[in-house]
Protein backbone atom coordinates (compact mmCIF):
# COMPACT_ATOMS: atom_id res chain seq x y z
CA GLN A 1 115.15 105.37 41.96
CA VAL A 2 112.24 107.31 40.80
CA GLN A 3 112.98 111.09 41.12
CA LEU A 4 110.92 114.08 40.28
CA VAL A 5 112.76 117.37 40.60
CA GLU A 6 111.05 120.66 40.37
CA SER A 7 112.86 123.75 39.50
CA GLY A 8 112.05 127.40 38.35
CA GLY A 9 110.32 128.81 41.19
CA GLY A 10 111.17 132.33 42.50
CA LEU A 11 110.07 135.57 43.67
CA VAL A 12 107.81 137.41 41.00
CA GLN A 13 105.69 140.54 41.01
CA PRO A 14 101.50 140.13 40.64
CA GLY A 15 101.16 139.79 37.09
CA GLY A 16 104.48 138.04 36.32
CA SER A 17 105.07 134.96 34.64
CA LEU A 18 107.13 131.72 35.70
CA ARG A 19 107.91 128.48 34.13
CA LEU A 20 108.15 125.50 36.27
CA SER A 21 109.70 122.20 35.31
CA CYS A 22 109.55 118.66 36.47
CA ALA A 23 112.41 116.34 35.48
CA ALA A 24 111.66 112.65 35.79
CA SER A 25 114.01 109.81 36.24
CA GLY A 26 113.59 106.38 36.93
CA ILE A 27 110.31 106.17 35.18
CA ILE A 28 109.05 107.01 31.80
CA SER A 29 106.82 109.90 32.56
CA SER A 30 105.28 110.04 29.23
CA ILE A 31 103.14 106.97 29.89
CA TYR A 32 101.34 108.57 32.92
CA SER A 33 98.95 111.10 33.39
CA MET A 34 100.86 113.72 35.53
CA GLY A 35 99.72 116.93 37.65
CA TRP A 36 101.21 119.75 39.02
CA TYR A 37 99.97 120.28 42.83
CA ARG A 38 100.80 123.00 45.04
CA GLN A 39 100.60 123.67 48.96
CA ALA A 40 100.21 126.91 50.68
CA PRO A 41 100.89 127.47 54.38
CA GLY A 42 98.25 126.22 56.59
CA LYS A 43 96.58 124.70 53.76
CA GLN A 44 96.01 121.11 52.15
CA ARG A 45 97.80 120.23 48.98
CA GLU A 46 95.65 121.00 46.08
CA LEU A 47 95.67 119.78 42.32
CA VAL A 48 96.51 122.74 39.98
CA ALA A 49 96.59 121.00 36.44
CA THR A 50 96.96 117.58 34.88
CA ILE A 51 98.18 116.34 31.50
CA THR A 52 97.37 112.93 30.28
CA PRO A 53 99.63 110.74 27.89
CA GLY A 54 97.57 111.97 25.16
CA ARG A 55 98.01 115.52 26.18
CA ILE A 56 94.71 116.18 27.22
CA THR A 57 94.70 118.65 29.92
CA ASN A 58 92.72 119.81 33.01
CA TYR A 59 92.92 122.71 35.52
CA ALA A 60 91.68 124.15 38.56
CA ASP A 61 89.17 126.79 38.25
CA SER A 62 91.77 129.10 40.03
CA VAL A 63 94.27 128.74 37.51
CA LYS A 64 92.24 128.11 34.29
CA GLY A 65 93.22 130.79 31.47
CA ARG A 66 96.33 131.71 33.32
CA PHE A 67 98.45 128.46 33.71
CA THR A 68 99.43 125.92 30.84
CA ILE A 69 100.82 122.61 31.50
CA SER A 70 102.82 120.63 28.95
CA ARG A 71 105.21 117.77 28.49
CA ASP A 72 108.05 117.11 26.50
CA ASN A 73 108.53 113.48 26.39
CA ALA A 74 111.88 113.33 24.75
CA LYS A 75 113.24 115.16 27.80
CA ASN A 76 111.12 112.99 30.10
CA THR A 77 110.10 116.74 31.46
CA VAL A 78 106.45 118.20 32.45
CA TYR A 79 106.17 121.95 32.40
CA LEU A 80 104.01 124.50 33.98
CA GLN A 81 103.50 127.82 32.37
CA MET A 82 102.06 130.48 34.92
CA ASN A 83 101.31 133.89 33.69
CA SER A 84 99.40 136.56 35.21
CA LEU A 85 100.41 135.31 38.77
CA LYS A 86 98.52 136.37 41.71
CA PRO A 87 99.54 136.77 45.21
CA GLU A 88 97.14 133.65 46.10
CA ASP A 89 99.41 131.41 43.73
CA THR A 90 102.03 131.59 46.44
CA ALA A 91 103.03 128.17 47.10
CA ILE A 92 105.39 125.24 47.04
CA TYR A 93 104.73 123.38 43.89
CA TYR A 94 105.03 119.69 43.40
CA CYS A 95 104.82 117.41 40.44
CA ASN A 96 103.59 113.89 40.71
CA LYS A 97 101.60 111.26 38.76
CA TYR A 98 97.90 111.77 38.70
CA PRO A 99 96.65 110.41 40.80
CA PRO A 100 99.60 111.02 42.90
CA TYR A 101 101.96 108.16 44.31
CA LYS A 102 102.96 108.84 47.67
CA THR A 103 106.43 107.90 47.43
CA TYR A 104 107.39 110.10 44.14
CA TRP A 105 106.68 113.55 46.12
CA GLY A 106 109.75 115.73 45.80
CA GLN A 107 110.81 118.88 47.39
CA GLY A 108 108.87 120.96 45.64
CA THR A 109 109.90 124.49 44.21
CA GLN A 110 108.85 127.84 45.90
CA VAL A 111 106.88 130.16 44.04
CA THR A 112 106.02 133.49 45.75
CA VAL A 113 104.00 136.28 44.41
CA SER A 114 104.51 139.56 46.20
CA SER A 115 101.85 142.18 46.52
């Protein structure tokens, strides 16, 4: 019923940009705090950015100043604009509620920053 579908990932060079999208269905995402998460091979999933229903945002120190989380309530979609990408940003990126809900994890979208 609830589905969160991530898209927009790809292969980019260091310093490049990507815009990720998280399309929600089965829920009205605008009434929840939402987050972007990422998981690199051999590492735990980590929180990247959050946004509240009032559009208050928070970022991990590692991405602060480079990433921007936003939401379009009419489209039931959350975005992550990623600029000045670094190889350490390589990971599978997921969206979910914040705090996350176990059954809402989707397939994620792969971001690869080559060096």
